[in-house]
Amino acid sequence: MNMKNRTLFVFLAGAAIGFCIPFLISSQSVSEDEHPLTEVPSASSSPRVPSSVEFAGQTVKLDRADLHERMDREMLAFTYSHQLTLLMIKRANRFFPIIEPILKECGVPDDLKYLMVIESNVDPRIKSSAGAVGLWQFMPTTGREYGLEVNDNIDERYNIEKSTRAACAYLKKSYRQFGDWMTVAASYNGGTGGVAKKQEVQGVTSALDMFLVEETSRYMFRLLAAKTVFENPARYGFLLRSEDLYPYIPPKKTVVVNTQIDDLTAFAKEQGVSLAQLKTENLWLRGDGLNNKSGRRYELKIPDEKALFYNPRDTKPHNTNWVIDR
């Protein structure tokens, strides 16, 4: 067989095989449920809405049409915001070990950590267009009201421990007023006064039964969806390994200062780290120095430079349900 005929034979044989494959596949006894027909390269499915969610000791039933559909919307948002949801779980491995003990110490239900999740996407650097910053997204006025120092030089809304304690104080005060954690969550977004007014005008006690602006109405279900996905990421398609998570890296030491630091760059070098490393560990430092004419006491965390070069394979999951290699 000459080269021309051989090429023609190969072409015809390939075409015949390609023509037969669909018929071979269609002849297999696979039900439509097992192998659904689709006209696109990939298919998306809707995550199942749970019948109820346990949140802060309360059973939130989702059998009513409006509650079911509001939860459905947020479950879809979390499930298909792939990049963001993955990042939130990765970051939570670093920050939940800091947040959870403070919530417990302050007497706030552990589930309220998911409020921090939806507020900031677990990003301590985040700043909203309205001017709210940090993991708990405090506005300047509210931050000062709850004991945080907020100015051009120092902004304790970025201090993870202090802002978490301030958030606990806010949440507990709100709970004393409403007596319901879902309504407390709505008030964190819509304001205590605004939710209380709607409670009175509409004659209902729970924010789940109120007619609210869309953002606040969605807020409570984003909270429930966050908890649902975080408790079992693999169920919703997020297949993480332990090495994918960001580990908690404790500081090398903490330096207490009650004087002014004129040059933070020089101070960082004295501690054996760079300015970038010092300010990353202490995001609340907003200037080139530390103005402290009043002699206040500040704790500066000094990062462990060697620990920053971690081996991802040594990362321990804070929650083994987050990973598939547990």
C-alpha atoms as a PDB file:
ATOM      1  CA  MET A   1       0.000   0.000   0.000  1.00  0.00           C
ATOM      2  CA  ASN A   2       1.521   3.293  -1.104  1.00  0.00           C
ATOM      3  CA  MET A   3       1.702   6.344   1.191  1.00  0.00           C
ATOM      4  CA  LYS A   4      -1.321   8.067  -0.406  1.00  0.00           C
ATOM      5  CA  ASN A   5      -3.566   5.030   0.012  1.00  0.00           C
ATOM      6  CA  ARG A   6      -2.302   4.454   3.573  1.00  0.00           C
ATOM      7  CA  THR A   7      -3.211   8.007   4.561  1.00  0.00           C
ATOM      8  CA  LEU A   8      -6.678   7.615   3.042  1.00  0.00           C
ATOM      9  CA  PHE A   9      -7.182   4.331   4.904  1.00  0.00           C
ATOM     10  CA  VAL A  10      -6.223   5.861   8.253  1.00  0.00           C
ATOM     11  CA  PHE A  11      -8.570   8.785   7.667  1.00  0.00           C
ATOM     12  CA  LEU A  12     -11.527   6.554   6.736  1.00  0.00           C
ATOM     13  CA  ALA A  13     -10.885   4.217   9.680  1.00  0.00           C
ATOM     14  CA  GLY A  14     -10.795   7.152  12.121  1.00  0.00           C
ATOM     15  CA  ALA A  15     -13.993   8.572  10.675  1.00  0.00           C
ATOM     16  CA  ALA A  16     -15.744   5.227  10.988  1.00  0.00           C
ATOM     17  CA  ILE A  17     -14.709   4.822  14.607  1.00  0.00           C
ATOM     18  CA  GLY A  18     -15.811   8.372  15.411  1.00  0.00           C
ATOM     19  CA  PHE A  19     -19.172   7.731  13.756  1.00  0.00           C
ATOM     20  CA  CYS A  20     -19.746   4.540  15.762  1.00  0.00           C
ATOM     21  CA  ILE A  21     -18.775   5.824  19.214  1.00  0.00           C
ATOM     22  CA  PRO A  22     -22.038   7.741  19.918  1.00  0.00           C
ATOM     23  CA  PHE A  23     -24.064   4.633  19.070  1.00  0.00           C
ATOM     24  CA  LEU A  24     -21.888   2.469  21.293  1.00  0.00           C
ATOM     25  CA  ILE A  25     -22.285   4.899  24.173  1.00  0.00           C
ATOM     26  CA  SER A  26     -26.035   5.250  23.680  1.00  0.00           C
ATOM     27  CA  SER A  27     -26.451   1.488  23.763  1.00  0.00           C
ATOM     28  CA  GLN A  28     -25.148   1.268  27.333  1.00  0.00           C
ATOM     29  CA  SER A  29     -27.799   0.756  30.022  1.00  0.00           C
ATOM     30  CA  VAL A  30     -27.187   4.028  31.918  1.00  0.00           C
ATOM     31  CA  SER A  31     -30.180   5.840  33.310  1.00  0.00           C
ATOM     32  CA  GLU A  32     -30.700   9.547  32.736  1.00  0.00           C
ATOM     33  CA  ASP A  33     -30.225  10.140  36.480  1.00  0.00           C
ATOM     34  CA  GLU A  34     -26.801   8.482  36.358  1.00  0.00           C
ATOM     35  CA  HIS A  35     -25.698  10.108  33.122  1.00  0.00           C
ATOM     36  CA  PRO A  36     -27.899  13.149  32.427  1.00  0.00           C
ATOM     37  CA  LEU A  37     -27.990  14.527  28.910  1.00  0.00           C
ATOM     38  CA  THR A  38     -26.387  17.927  28.461  1.00  0.00           C
ATOM     39  CA  GLU A  39     -25.508  20.074  25.479  1.00  0.00           C
ATOM     40  CA  VAL A  40     -22.686  21.983  27.202  1.00  0.00           C
ATOM     41  CA  PRO A  41     -19.139  20.825  28.105  1.00  0.00           C
ATOM     42  CA  SER A  42     -19.771  21.057  31.857  1.00  0.00           C
ATOM     43  CA  ALA A  43     -22.883  20.954  33.986  1.00  0.00           C
ATOM     44  CA  SER A  44     -23.854  22.765  37.191  1.00  0.00           C
ATOM     45  CA  SER A  45     -26.228  21.419  39.773  1.00  0.00           C
ATOM     46  CA  SER A  46     -28.152  23.162  42.514  1.00  0.00           C
ATOM     47  CA  PRO A  47     -27.000  22.298  46.047  1.00  0.00           C
ATOM     48  CA  ARG A  48     -29.743  20.888  48.202  1.00  0.00           C
ATOM     49  CA  VAL A  49     -31.209  23.313  50.727  1.00  0.00           C
ATOM     50  CA  PRO A  50     -31.211  21.786  54.233  1.00  0.00           C
ATOM     51  CA  SER A  51     -34.541  21.487  55.985  1.00  0.00           C
ATOM     52  CA  SER A  52     -33.096  23.368  58.955  1.00  0.00           C
ATOM     53  CA  VAL A  53     -29.836  24.787  60.292  1.00  0.00           C
ATOM     54  CA  GLU A  54     -28.692  24.783  63.902  1.00  0.00           C
ATOM     55  CA  PHE A  55     -27.314  28.224  64.650  1.00  0.00           C
ATOM     56  CA  ALA A  56     -26.153  29.450  68.073  1.00  0.00           C
ATOM     57  CA  GLY A  57     -28.404  26.979  69.858  1.00  0.00           C
ATOM     58  CA  GLN A  58     -31.441  27.825  67.728  1.00  0.00           C
ATOM     59  CA  THR A  59     -33.031  25.619  65.080  1.00  0.00           C
ATOM     60  CA  VAL A  60     -33.763  27.728  62.021  1.00  0.00           C
ATOM     61  CA  LYS A  61     -36.380  25.847  59.992  1.00  0.00           C
ATOM     62  CA  LEU A  62     -36.305  26.425  56.248  1.00  0.00           C
ATOM     63  CA  ASP A  63     -39.586  24.767  55.300  1.00  0.00           C
ATOM     64  CA  ARG A  64     -41.444  28.014  54.596  1.00  0.00           C
ATOM     65  CA  ALA A  65     -41.274  29.053  50.930  1.00  0.00           C
ATOM     66  CA  ASP A  66     -39.585  32.428  51.417  1.00  0.00           C
ATOM     67  CA  LEU A  67     -37.023  31.054  53.883  1.00  0.00           C
ATOM     68  CA  HIS A  68     -36.240  28.087  51.631  1.00  0.00           C
ATOM     69  CA  GLU A  69     -35.716  30.272  48.569  1.00  0.00           C
ATOM     70  CA  ARG A  70     -33.628  32.868  50.379  1.00  0.00           C
ATOM     71  CA  MET A  71     -31.375  30.101  51.663  1.00  0.00           C
ATOM     72  CA  ASP A  72     -31.241  28.569  48.194  1.00  0.00           C
ATOM     73  CA  ARG A  73     -29.928  31.838  46.749  1.00  0.00           C
ATOM     74  CA  GLU A  74     -27.086  32.070  49.255  1.00  0.00           C
ATOM     75  CA  MET A  75     -26.200  28.387  48.950  1.00  0.00           C
ATOM     76  CA  LEU A  76     -25.829  28.901  45.202  1.00  0.00           C
ATOM     77  CA  ALA A  77     -23.707  32.007  45.775  1.00  0.00           C
ATOM     78  CA  PHE A  78     -21.325  30.226  48.143  1.00  0.00           C
ATOM     79  CA  THR A  79     -21.130  27.084  46.029  1.00  0.00           C
ATOM     80  CA  TYR A  80     -20.334  28.830  42.773  1.00  0.00           C
ATOM     81  CA  SER A  81     -18.137  31.662  44.041  1.00  0.00           C
ATOM     82  CA  HIS A  82     -15.323  29.152  43.811  1.00  0.00           C
ATOM     83  CA  GLN A  83     -12.276  31.361  44.269  1.00  0.00           C
ATOM     84  CA  LEU A  84     -13.709  33.344  47.168  1.00  0.00           C
ATOM     85  CA  THR A  85     -15.117  30.371  49.068  1.00  0.00           C
ATOM     86  CA  LEU A  86     -11.833  28.487  48.740  1.00  0.00           C
ATOM     87  CA  LEU A  87      -9.894  31.504  50.020  1.00  0.00           C
ATOM     88  CA  MET A  88     -12.237  31.939  52.985  1.00  0.00           C
ATOM     89  CA  ILE A  89     -11.695  28.350  54.105  1.00  0.00           C
ATOM     90  CA  LYS A  90      -7.926  28.613  53.600  1.00  0.00           C
ATOM     91  CA  ARG A  91      -7.779  31.826  55.656  1.00  0.00           C
ATOM     92  CA  ALA A  92     -10.089  30.468  58.354  1.00  0.00           C
ATOM     93  CA  ASN A  93      -7.446  27.887  59.186  1.00  0.00           C
ATOM     94  CA  ARG A  94      -5.204  30.783  60.267  1.00  0.00           C
ATOM     95  CA  PHE A  95      -7.714  33.031  61.985  1.00  0.00           C
ATOM     96  CA  PHE A  96     -10.291  30.729  63.610  1.00  0.00           C
ATOM     97  CA  PRO A  97      -7.702  29.610  66.210  1.00  0.00           C
ATOM     98  CA  ILE A  98      -7.446  33.274  67.277  1.00  0.00           C
ATOM     99  CA  ILE A  99     -11.149  34.145  67.064  1.00  0.00           C
ATOM    100  CA  GLU A 100     -12.777  31.105  68.683  1.00  0.00           C
ATOM    101  CA  PRO A 101     -11.148  31.336  72.146  1.00  0.00           C
ATOM    102  CA  ILE A 102     -12.124  35.018  72.409  1.00  0.00           C
ATOM    103  CA  LEU A 103     -15.752  34.285  71.541  1.00  0.00           C
ATOM    104  CA  LYS A 104     -15.795  31.543  74.173  1.00  0.00           C
ATOM    105  CA  GLU A 105     -14.179  33.777  76.792  1.00  0.00           C
ATOM    106  CA  CYS A 106     -16.669  36.554  76.116  1.00  0.00           C
ATOM    107  CA  GLY A 107     -19.695  34.237  76.226  1.00  0.00           C
ATOM    108  CA  VAL A 108     -20.657  34.635  72.569  1.00  0.00           C
ATOM    109  CA  PRO A 109     -21.813  31.503  70.666  1.00  0.00           C
ATOM    110  CA  ASP A 110     -19.113  30.027  68.460  1.00  0.00           C
ATOM    111  CA  ASP A 111     -21.382  30.233  65.393  1.00  0.00           C
ATOM    112  CA  LEU A 112     -21.033  34.030  65.428  1.00  0.00           C
ATOM    113  CA  LYS A 113     -17.583  33.577  63.907  1.00  0.00           C
ATOM    114  CA  TYR A 114     -19.421  33.112  60.600  1.00  0.00           C
ATOM    115  CA  LEU A 115     -20.572  36.705  60.899  1.00  0.00           C
ATOM    116  CA  MET A 116     -16.889  37.640  60.617  1.00  0.00           C
ATOM    117  CA  VAL A 117     -16.629  35.323  57.612  1.00  0.00           C
ATOM    118  CA  ILE A 118     -19.364  37.063  55.627  1.00  0.00           C
ATOM    119  CA  GLU A 119     -18.324  40.540  56.787  1.00  0.00           C
ATOM    120  CA  SER A 120     -14.716  40.381  55.641  1.00  0.00           C
ATOM    121  CA  ASN A 121     -14.232  37.142  53.680  1.00  0.00           C
ATOM    122  CA  VAL A 122     -11.725  36.382  56.462  1.00  0.00           C
ATOM    123  CA  ASP A 123      -9.394  39.062  55.099  1.00  0.00           C
ATOM    124  CA  PRO A 124      -7.955  41.248  57.908  1.00  0.00           C
ATOM    125  CA  ARG A 125      -6.817  43.913  55.443  1.00  0.00           C
ATOM    126  CA  ILE A 126     -10.185  44.495  53.828  1.00  0.00           C
ATOM    127  CA  LYS A 127     -11.740  47.957  53.660  1.00  0.00           C
ATOM    128  CA  SER A 128     -15.237  48.615  52.350  1.00  0.00           C
ATOM    129  CA  SER A 129     -16.226  51.521  50.128  1.00  0.00           C
ATOM    130  CA  ALA A 130     -18.127  52.931  53.124  1.00  0.00           C
ATOM    131  CA  GLY A 131     -14.990  52.950  55.285  1.00  0.00           C
ATOM    132  CA  ALA A 132     -15.527  49.818  57.407  1.00  0.00           C
ATOM    133  CA  VAL A 133     -12.304  47.886  57.969  1.00  0.00           C
ATOM    134  CA  GLY A 134     -10.882  44.709  59.436  1.00  0.00           C
ATOM    135  CA  LEU A 135     -12.257  41.242  60.049  1.00  0.00           C
ATOM    136  CA  TRP A 136     -15.363  42.596  61.788  1.00  0.00           C
ATOM    137  CA  GLN A 137     -15.841  45.601  59.476  1.00  0.00           C
ATOM    138  CA  PHE A 138     -16.222  48.318  62.093  1.00  0.00           C
ATOM    139  CA  MET A 139     -16.972  51.853  60.998  1.00  0.00           C
ATOM    140  CA  PRO A 140     -14.794  54.506  62.727  1.00  0.00           C
ATOM    141  CA  THR A 141     -17.549  55.807  65.018  1.00  0.00           C
ATOM    142  CA  THR A 142     -18.686  52.348  66.093  1.00  0.00           C
ATOM    143  CA  GLY A 143     -15.109  51.239  66.641  1.00  0.00           C
ATOM    144  CA  ARG A 144     -14.442  54.161  68.977  1.00  0.00           C
ATOM    145  CA  GLU A 145     -17.755  53.541  70.747  1.00  0.00           C
ATOM    146  CA  TYR A 146     -16.548  50.064  71.645  1.00  0.00           C
ATOM    147  CA  GLY A 147     -13.127  51.125  72.853  1.00  0.00           C
ATOM    148  CA  LEU A 148     -10.982  50.925  69.730  1.00  0.00           C
ATOM    149  CA  GLU A 149      -8.442  53.645  68.968  1.00  0.00           C
ATOM    150  CA  VAL A 150      -9.025  54.938  65.453  1.00  0.00           C
ATOM    151  CA  ASN A 151      -6.886  57.701  63.925  1.00  0.00           C
ATOM    152  CA  ASP A 152      -4.373  58.254  61.129  1.00  0.00           C
ATOM    153  CA  ASN A 153      -1.557  56.661  63.116  1.00  0.00           C
ATOM    154  CA  ILE A 154      -3.288  53.797  64.926  1.00  0.00           C
ATOM    155  CA  ASP A 155      -6.389  51.924  63.844  1.00  0.00           C
ATOM    156  CA  GLU A 156      -7.297  49.121  66.206  1.00  0.00           C
ATOM    157  CA  ARG A 157     -10.110  47.982  63.946  1.00  0.00           C
ATOM    158  CA  TYR A 158      -7.272  46.069  62.268  1.00  0.00           C
ATOM    159  CA  ASN A 159      -6.182  44.545  65.588  1.00  0.00           C
ATOM    160  CA  ILE A 160      -7.608  41.032  65.431  1.00  0.00           C
ATOM    161  CA  GLU A 161      -7.879  40.397  69.169  1.00  0.00           C
ATOM    162  CA  LYS A 162      -9.123  43.867  70.139  1.00  0.00           C
ATOM    163  CA  SER A 163     -11.641  44.112  67.300  1.00  0.00           C
ATOM    164  CA  THR A 164     -12.985  40.637  68.135  1.00  0.00           C
ATOM    165  CA  ARG A 165     -13.530  41.681  71.751  1.00  0.00           C
ATOM    166  CA  ALA A 166     -15.257  44.848  70.538  1.00  0.00           C
ATOM    167  CA  ALA A 167     -17.480  42.755  68.258  1.00  0.00           C
ATOM    168  CA  CYS A 168     -18.351  40.513  71.202  1.00  0.00           C
ATOM    169  CA  ALA A 169     -19.364  43.554  73.253  1.00  0.00           C
ATOM    170  CA  TYR A 170     -21.565  44.769  70.385  1.00  0.00           C
ATOM    171  CA  LEU A 171     -23.182  41.367  69.882  1.00  0.00           C
ATOM    172  CA  LYS A 172     -23.887  40.805  73.567  1.00  0.00           C
ATOM    173  CA  LYS A 173     -25.434  44.254  73.911  1.00  0.00           C
ATOM    174  CA  SER A 174     -27.621  43.579  70.883  1.00  0.00           C
ATOM    175  CA  TYR A 175     -28.619  40.172  72.256  1.00  0.00           C
ATOM    176  CA  ARG A 176     -29.736  41.774  75.515  1.00  0.00           C
ATOM    177  CA  GLN A 177     -32.072  43.905  73.421  1.00  0.00           C
ATOM    178  CA  PHE A 178     -33.407  41.293  70.980  1.00  0.00           C
ATOM    179  CA  GLY A 179     -32.883  37.937  72.707  1.00  0.00           C
ATOM    180  CA  ASP A 180     -32.435  36.196  69.346  1.00  0.00           C
ATOM    181  CA  TRP A 181     -29.117  35.652  67.579  1.00  0.00           C
ATOM    182  CA  MET A 182     -30.504  35.790  64.048  1.00  0.00           C
ATOM    183  CA  THR A 183     -32.039  39.180  64.820  1.00  0.00           C
ATOM    184  CA  VAL A 184     -28.731  40.206  66.366  1.00  0.00           C
ATOM    185  CA  ALA A 185     -27.042  39.276  63.087  1.00  0.00           C
ATOM    186  CA  ALA A 186     -29.542  41.372  61.132  1.00  0.00           C
ATOM    187  CA  SER A 187     -28.844  44.299  63.456  1.00  0.00           C
ATOM    188  CA  TYR A 188     -25.097  43.985  62.827  1.00  0.00           C
ATOM    189  CA  ASN A 189     -25.830  44.721  59.185  1.00  0.00           C
ATOM    190  CA  GLY A 190     -28.883  46.957  59.365  1.00  0.00           C
ATOM    191  CA  GLY A 191     -28.205  48.747  62.653  1.00  0.00           C
ATOM    192  CA  THR A 192     -29.743  48.097  66.041  1.00  0.00           C
ATOM    193  CA  GLY A 193     -32.047  51.089  65.825  1.00  0.00           C
ATOM    194  CA  GLY A 194     -33.267  50.258  62.340  1.00  0.00           C
ATOM    195  CA  VAL A 195     -34.090  46.649  63.175  1.00  0.00           C
ATOM    196  CA  ALA A 196     -35.767  47.640  66.461  1.00  0.00           C
ATOM    197  CA  LYS A 197     -37.984  50.128  64.618  1.00  0.00           C
ATOM    198  CA  LYS A 198     -39.037  47.528  62.049  1.00  0.00           C
ATOM    199  CA  GLN A 199     -39.684  45.080  64.865  1.00  0.00           C
ATOM    200  CA  GLU A 200     -42.088  47.545  66.450  1.00  0.00           C
ATOM    201  CA  VAL A 201     -43.796  48.739  63.252  1.00  0.00           C
ATOM    202  CA  GLN A 202     -44.239  45.261  61.756  1.00  0.00           C
ATOM    203  CA  GLY A 203     -45.257  43.608  65.014  1.00  0.00           C
ATOM    204  CA  VAL A 204     -42.843  40.667  64.814  1.00  0.00           C
ATOM    205  CA  THR A 205     -39.940  39.670  67.031  1.00  0.00           C
ATOM    206  CA  SER A 206     -37.608  37.715  64.709  1.00  0.00           C
ATOM    207  CA  ALA A 207     -35.799  39.406  61.838  1.00  0.00           C
ATOM    208  CA  LEU A 208     -36.513  36.270  59.800  1.00  0.00           C
ATOM    209  CA  ASP A 209     -40.149  37.401  59.685  1.00  0.00           C
ATOM    210  CA  MET A 210     -39.462  41.069  58.925  1.00  0.00           C
ATOM    211  CA  PHE A 211     -39.660  42.849  55.601  1.00  0.00           C
ATOM    212  CA  LEU A 212     -36.134  44.283  55.336  1.00  0.00           C
ATOM    213  CA  VAL A 213     -33.950  45.915  52.718  1.00  0.00           C
ATOM    214  CA  GLU A 214     -32.422  43.295  50.418  1.00  0.00           C
ATOM    215  CA  GLU A 215     -28.900  43.454  51.858  1.00  0.00           C
ATOM    216  CA  THR A 216     -30.058  42.811  55.431  1.00  0.00           C
ATOM    217  CA  SER A 217     -32.615  40.250  54.302  1.00  0.00           C
ATOM    218  CA  ARG A 218     -29.870  38.277  52.546  1.00  0.00           C
ATOM    219  CA  TYR A 219     -27.371  38.783  55.353  1.00  0.00           C
ATOM    220  CA  MET A 220     -28.915  36.247  57.743  1.00  0.00           C
ATOM    221  CA  PHE A 221     -29.011  33.557  55.067  1.00  0.00           C
ATOM    222  CA  ARG A 222     -25.448  34.264  53.992  1.00  0.00           C
ATOM    223  CA  LEU A 223     -24.567  33.537  57.617  1.00  0.00           C
ATOM    224  CA  LEU A 224     -26.443  30.217  57.549  1.00  0.00           C
ATOM    225  CA  ALA A 225     -24.980  29.301  54.166  1.00  0.00           C
ATOM    226  CA  ALA A 226     -21.457  30.044  55.380  1.00  0.00           C
ATOM    227  CA  LYS A 227     -21.877  27.702  58.318  1.00  0.00           C
ATOM    228  CA  THR A 228     -23.433  24.983  56.135  1.00  0.00           C
ATOM    229  CA  VAL A 229     -20.620  25.046  53.553  1.00  0.00           C
ATOM    230  CA  PHE A 230     -17.832  25.377  56.114  1.00  0.00           C
ATOM    231  CA  GLU A 231     -19.070  22.330  58.001  1.00  0.00           C
ATOM    232  CA  ASN A 232     -18.729  20.114  54.919  1.00  0.00           C
ATOM    233  CA  PRO A 233     -16.902  21.813  52.011  1.00  0.00           C
ATOM    234  CA  ALA A 234     -16.425  18.588  50.043  1.00  0.00           C
ATOM    235  CA  ARG A 235     -20.175  18.108  49.835  1.00  0.00           C
ATOM    236  CA  TYR A 236     -20.354  21.352  47.867  1.00  0.00           C
ATOM    237  CA  GLY A 237     -17.409  20.587  45.605  1.00  0.00           C
ATOM    238  CA  PHE A 238     -14.538  22.183  47.550  1.00  0.00           C
ATOM    239  CA  LEU A 239     -11.829  19.519  47.708  1.00  0.00           C
ATOM    240  CA  LEU A 240      -9.023  20.895  49.858  1.00  0.00           C
ATOM    241  CA  ARG A 241      -5.936  19.120  51.159  1.00  0.00           C
ATOM    242  CA  SER A 242      -4.242  20.032  54.434  1.00  0.00           C
ATOM    243  CA  GLU A 243      -1.369  21.604  52.530  1.00  0.00           C
ATOM    244  CA  ASP A 244      -3.810  23.951  50.771  1.00  0.00           C
ATOM    245  CA  LEU A 245      -4.747  25.671  54.025  1.00  0.00           C
ATOM    246  CA  TYR A 246      -2.938  28.682  55.481  1.00  0.00           C
ATOM    247  CA  PRO A 247      -1.351  27.743  58.814  1.00  0.00           C
ATOM    248  CA  TYR A 248      -1.514  29.837  61.955  1.00  0.00           C
ATOM    249  CA  ILE A 249       1.968  31.272  62.484  1.00  0.00           C
ATOM    250  CA  PRO A 250       2.462  32.435  66.070  1.00  0.00           C
ATOM    251  CA  PRO A 251       4.710  35.469  66.591  1.00  0.00           C
ATOM    252  CA  LYS A 252       8.256  35.017  67.825  1.00  0.00           C
ATOM    253  CA  LYS A 253       7.565  37.338  70.743  1.00  0.00           C
ATOM    254  CA  THR A 254       5.493  40.313  71.855  1.00  0.00           C
ATOM    255  CA  VAL A 255       7.151  43.604  72.707  1.00  0.00           C
ATOM    256  CA  VAL A 256       5.317  45.958  75.071  1.00  0.00           C
ATOM    257  CA  VAL A 257       5.953  49.668  74.508  1.00  0.00           C
ATOM    258  CA  ASN A 258       4.623  52.719  76.334  1.00  0.00           C
ATOM    259  CA  THR A 259       6.793  55.284  74.603  1.00  0.00           C
ATOM    260  CA  GLN A 260       6.875  56.837  71.166  1.00  0.00           C
ATOM    261  CA  ILE A 261       8.571  55.073  68.250  1.00  0.00           C
ATOM    262  CA  ASP A 262       9.778  57.680  65.779  1.00  0.00           C
ATOM    263  CA  ASP A 263      10.948  55.276  63.076  1.00  0.00           C
ATOM    264  CA  LEU A 264       9.222  51.920  62.704  1.00  0.00           C
ATOM    265  CA  THR A 265      11.695  50.849  60.008  1.00  0.00           C
ATOM    266  CA  ALA A 266      14.597  51.211  62.429  1.00  0.00           C
ATOM    267  CA  PHE A 267      12.572  49.522  65.180  1.00  0.00           C
ATOM    268  CA  ALA A 268      11.817  46.573  62.875  1.00  0.00           C
ATOM    269  CA  LYS A 269      15.510  46.163  61.993  1.00  0.00           C
ATOM    270  CA  GLU A 270      16.381  46.139  65.700  1.00  0.00           C
ATOM    271  CA  GLN A 271      13.945  43.238  66.058  1.00  0.00           C
ATOM    272  CA  GLY A 272      15.486  41.384  63.130  1.00  0.00           C
ATOM    273  CA  VAL A 273      12.560  41.801  60.725  1.00  0.00           C
ATOM    274  CA  SER A 274      11.576  44.098  57.869  1.00  0.00           C
ATOM    275  CA  LEU A 275       9.060  46.920  58.122  1.00  0.00           C
ATOM    276  CA  ALA A 276       6.717  44.974  55.833  1.00  0.00           C
ATOM    277  CA  GLN A 277       6.848  41.945  58.128  1.00  0.00           C
ATOM    278  CA  LEU A 278       6.289  44.071  61.235  1.00  0.00           C
ATOM    279  CA  LYS A 279       3.282  45.900  59.760  1.00  0.00           C
ATOM    280  CA  THR A 280       1.783  42.721  58.315  1.00  0.00           C
ATOM    281  CA  GLU A 281       1.836  41.234  61.820  1.00  0.00           C
ATOM    282  CA  ASN A 282       0.497  44.494  63.301  1.00  0.00           C
ATOM    283  CA  LEU A 283      -1.914  45.879  60.717  1.00  0.00           C
ATOM    284  CA  TRP A 284      -3.164  48.451  63.220  1.00  0.00           C
ATOM    285  CA  LEU A 285       0.089  50.408  62.765  1.00  0.00           C
ATOM    286  CA  ARG A 286      -0.903  52.871  60.051  1.00  0.00           C
ATOM    287  CA  GLY A 287       1.988  55.345  59.970  1.00  0.00           C
ATOM    288  CA  ASP A 288       5.785  55.387  59.706  1.00  0.00           C
ATOM    289  CA  GLY A 289       6.100  55.663  63.474  1.00  0.00           C
ATOM    290  CA  LEU A 290       4.077  55.119  66.629  1.00  0.00           C
ATOM    291  CA  ASN A 291       2.796  58.389  68.119  1.00  0.00           C
ATOM    292  CA  ASN A 292       2.383  57.803  71.807  1.00  0.00           C
ATOM    293  CA  LYS A 293       2.586  61.112  73.634  1.00  0.00           C
ATOM    294  CA  SER A 294       0.033  59.925  76.175  1.00  0.00           C
ATOM    295  CA  GLY A 295       2.178  56.956  77.208  1.00  0.00           C
ATOM    296  CA  ARG A 296      -0.380  54.290  76.348  1.00  0.00           C
ATOM    297  CA  ARG A 297       0.575  50.630  76.473  1.00  0.00           C
ATOM    298  CA  TYR A 298       0.808  48.852  73.133  1.00  0.00           C
ATOM    299  CA  GLU A 299       1.743  45.278  72.317  1.00  0.00           C
ATOM    300  CA  LEU A 300       3.691  44.790  69.112  1.00  0.00           C
ATOM    301  CA  LYS A 301       3.944  41.253  67.788  1.00  0.00           C
ATOM    302  CA  ILE A 302       7.331  40.403  66.331  1.00  0.00           C
ATOM    303  CA  PRO A 303       6.999  37.806  63.576  1.00  0.00           C
ATOM    304  CA  ASP A 304       9.118  34.680  63.539  1.00  0.00           C
ATOM    305  CA  GLU A 305      10.991  35.141  60.283  1.00  0.00           C
ATOM    306  CA  LYS A 306      12.026  31.485  60.076  1.00  0.00           C
ATOM    307  CA  ALA A 307       8.443  30.306  60.649  1.00  0.00           C
ATOM    308  CA  LEU A 308       7.297  32.412  57.683  1.00  0.00           C
ATOM    309  CA  PHE A 309       9.090  29.917  55.429  1.00  0.00           C
ATOM    310  CA  TYR A 310       6.751  27.076  56.296  1.00  0.00           C
ATOM    311  CA  ASN A 311       6.392  23.786  54.482  1.00  0.00           C
ATOM    312  CA  PRO A 312       2.745  23.510  53.308  1.00  0.00           C
ATOM    313  CA  ARG A 313       2.902  19.736  53.827  1.00  0.00           C
ATOM    314  CA  ASP A 314       3.292  20.328  57.566  1.00  0.00           C
ATOM    315  CA  THR A 315       0.058  22.335  57.822  1.00  0.00           C
ATOM    316  CA  LYS A 316      -2.432  20.988  60.327  1.00  0.00           C
ATOM    317  CA  PRO A 317      -6.139  21.555  59.582  1.00  0.00           C
ATOM    318  CA  HIS A 318      -7.966  23.434  62.302  1.00  0.00           C
ATOM    319  CA  ASN A 319     -11.051  21.485  61.285  1.00  0.00           C
ATOM    320  CA  THR A 320     -10.526  18.065  59.720  1.00  0.00           C
ATOM    321  CA  ASN A 321     -13.876  18.378  57.916  1.00  0.00           C
ATOM    322  CA  TRP A 322     -12.281  20.992  55.690  1.00  0.00           C
ATOM    323  CA  VAL A 323      -9.882  18.568  54.018  1.00  0.00           C
ATOM    324  CA  ILE A 324     -10.107  15.336  52.069  1.00  0.00           C
ATOM    325  CA  ASP A 325      -6.788  13.862  53.336  1.00  0.00           C
ATOM    326  CA  ARG A 326      -7.778  13.661  57.007  1.00  0.00           C
END
